[in-house]
Amino acid sequence: MKKIILVAVVMLGLVGCSKDDILPEQQVKEQLQIKDAVGIKLESAFVTTEVAMNVKMEVSQSVTIKIFDISNRVVSKETMSVKAGDNILKVYTSALPSSAYRIGLFDASNKQLGITDFNKL
């Protein structure tokens, strides 16, 4: 059991999101454009070590990004402040084993705002 907890802690430290320079909405790559007012979208569903992600919000607020494994267990979680509109982030996945994952966007009250799937190659 201690090994599982240690692996989870190490993964949380190695897998995370970070803000890149935020691009104006008109410069968001086509693969990252979100038509809805709120949502989450990955640049690609197939990932090796990192992938770009767009988190789009109606208002500036604190959000939590969670990565779930195939058993629906949270393997990574990070809370950050985002601005209204498009927020381009990087998701680092090098510490994750090859498998299918789901990445979700949640507000401060843990309401799911968006979810998408990806495969770690």
Protein backbone atom coordinates (compact mmCIF):
# COMPACT_ATOMS: atom_id res chain seq x y z
CA MET A 1 0.00 0.00 0.00
CA LYS A 2 2.87 2.39 0.82
CA LYS A 3 4.31 1.78 -2.66
CA ILE A 4 1.01 2.75 -4.32
CA ILE A 5 0.79 5.95 -2.27
CA LEU A 6 4.43 6.79 -3.04
CA VAL A 7 3.89 6.22 -6.77
CA ALA A 8 0.77 8.45 -6.68
CA VAL A 9 2.66 11.23 -4.89
CA VAL A 10 5.56 11.03 -7.37
CA MET A 11 3.15 11.11 -10.31
CA LEU A 12 1.37 14.15 -8.91
CA GLY A 13 4.70 15.91 -8.69
CA LEU A 14 5.81 14.98 -12.20
CA VAL A 15 2.54 15.28 -14.12
CA GLY A 16 0.99 18.70 -14.22
CA CYS A 17 -0.14 21.69 -16.16
CA SER A 18 1.63 24.95 -16.66
CA LYS A 19 0.60 28.22 -18.24
CA ASP A 20 2.30 29.17 -21.48
CA ASP A 21 2.12 32.69 -22.74
CA ILE A 22 -1.60 33.23 -23.21
CA LEU A 23 -2.41 33.86 -26.85
CA PRO A 24 -5.11 36.27 -27.97
CA GLU A 25 -8.27 34.40 -28.97
CA GLN A 26 -7.79 35.05 -32.71
CA GLN A 27 -4.36 33.37 -32.58
CA VAL A 28 -5.49 30.11 -30.93
CA LYS A 29 -4.54 27.18 -33.18
CA GLU A 30 -7.44 25.60 -35.02
CA GLN A 31 -6.90 22.30 -33.15
CA LEU A 32 -7.42 24.14 -29.82
CA GLN A 33 -10.41 26.32 -30.72
CA ILE A 34 -13.53 25.83 -28.60
CA LYS A 35 -16.87 27.06 -29.97
CA ASP A 36 -18.70 26.93 -26.61
CA ALA A 37 -18.26 29.60 -23.92
CA VAL A 38 -16.73 27.08 -21.47
CA GLY A 39 -14.75 23.94 -22.13
CA ILE A 40 -11.52 22.01 -22.37
CA LYS A 41 -9.79 20.72 -25.51
CA LEU A 42 -6.50 18.94 -26.14
CA GLU A 43 -4.45 19.60 -29.26
CA SER A 44 -4.24 15.84 -29.88
CA ALA A 45 -5.84 12.72 -28.41
CA PHE A 46 -2.50 10.90 -28.72
CA VAL A 47 0.20 12.07 -26.32
CA THR A 48 3.81 11.11 -25.60
CA THR A 49 5.44 13.53 -23.13
CA GLU A 50 3.29 16.68 -23.33
CA VAL A 51 0.29 18.16 -25.11
CA ALA A 52 -1.17 21.65 -25.48
CA MET A 53 -4.60 22.23 -23.97
CA ASN A 54 -7.12 25.07 -24.16
CA VAL A 55 -9.25 25.86 -21.11
CA LYS A 56 -11.96 28.32 -22.08
CA MET A 57 -13.94 30.20 -19.44
CA GLU A 58 -16.66 32.87 -19.39
CA VAL A 59 -15.14 34.61 -16.35
CA SER A 60 -11.77 34.64 -14.58
CA GLN A 61 -11.76 32.06 -11.81
CA SER A 62 -9.90 29.28 -10.07
CA VAL A 63 -10.24 25.87 -11.75
CA THR A 64 -8.94 22.38 -11.10
CA ILE A 65 -7.60 20.13 -13.84
CA LYS A 66 -7.84 16.42 -12.97
CA ILE A 67 -6.42 13.48 -14.90
CA PHE A 68 -8.23 10.17 -14.36
CA ASP A 69 -6.88 6.72 -15.20
CA ILE A 70 -8.92 3.96 -16.84
CA SER A 71 -10.29 2.97 -13.38
CA ASN A 72 -11.55 6.56 -12.94
CA ARG A 73 -9.00 7.27 -10.17
CA VAL A 74 -7.44 10.71 -10.04
CA VAL A 75 -3.74 10.36 -10.95
CA SER A 76 -3.00 14.08 -11.20
CA LYS A 77 -4.71 17.22 -9.97
CA GLU A 78 -3.75 20.87 -10.18
CA THR A 79 -5.64 24.03 -9.25
CA MET A 80 -4.88 27.29 -11.05
CA SER A 81 -6.34 30.68 -11.85
CA VAL A 82 -7.48 31.24 -15.42
CA LYS A 83 -8.75 34.33 -17.21
CA ALA A 84 -11.97 34.77 -19.15
CA GLY A 85 -11.59 33.44 -22.69
CA ASP A 86 -8.92 31.04 -23.96
CA ASN A 87 -6.11 29.84 -21.70
CA ILE A 88 -3.43 27.77 -23.44
CA LEU A 89 -1.74 25.33 -21.06
CA LYS A 90 0.73 22.47 -21.38
CA VAL A 91 -0.05 19.07 -19.88
CA TYR A 92 3.08 17.06 -19.07
CA THR A 93 2.48 13.31 -19.23
CA SER A 94 5.95 11.74 -19.22
CA ALA A 95 5.40 10.17 -15.77
CA LEU A 96 2.20 8.42 -16.84
CA PRO A 97 2.36 4.83 -18.06
CA SER A 98 0.99 4.11 -21.53
CA SER A 99 -2.79 3.86 -21.22
CA ALA A 100 -6.06 5.69 -21.83
CA TYR A 101 -6.86 8.70 -19.63
CA ARG A 102 -9.57 11.30 -19.14
CA ILE A 103 -8.82 14.93 -18.30
CA GLY A 104 -11.49 17.05 -16.64
CA LEU A 105 -12.05 20.71 -15.86
CA PHE A 106 -13.75 21.59 -12.55
CA ASP A 107 -14.77 24.86 -10.90
CA ALA A 108 -14.13 25.80 -7.24
CA SER A 109 -17.26 23.92 -6.11
CA ASN A 110 -16.06 20.76 -7.96
CA LYS A 111 -18.68 21.13 -10.72
CA GLN A 112 -17.45 19.51 -13.92
CA LEU A 113 -17.14 22.11 -16.69
CA GLY A 114 -15.67 19.88 -19.38
CA ILE A 115 -13.99 16.54 -19.97
CA THR A 116 -12.02 14.88 -22.77
CA ASP A 117 -10.04 11.70 -23.34
CA PHE A 118 -6.47 11.03 -24.43
CA ASN A 119 -4.14 8.11 -24.96
CA LYS A 120 -0.61 8.12 -23.57
CA LEU A 121 1.64 6.35 -26.06
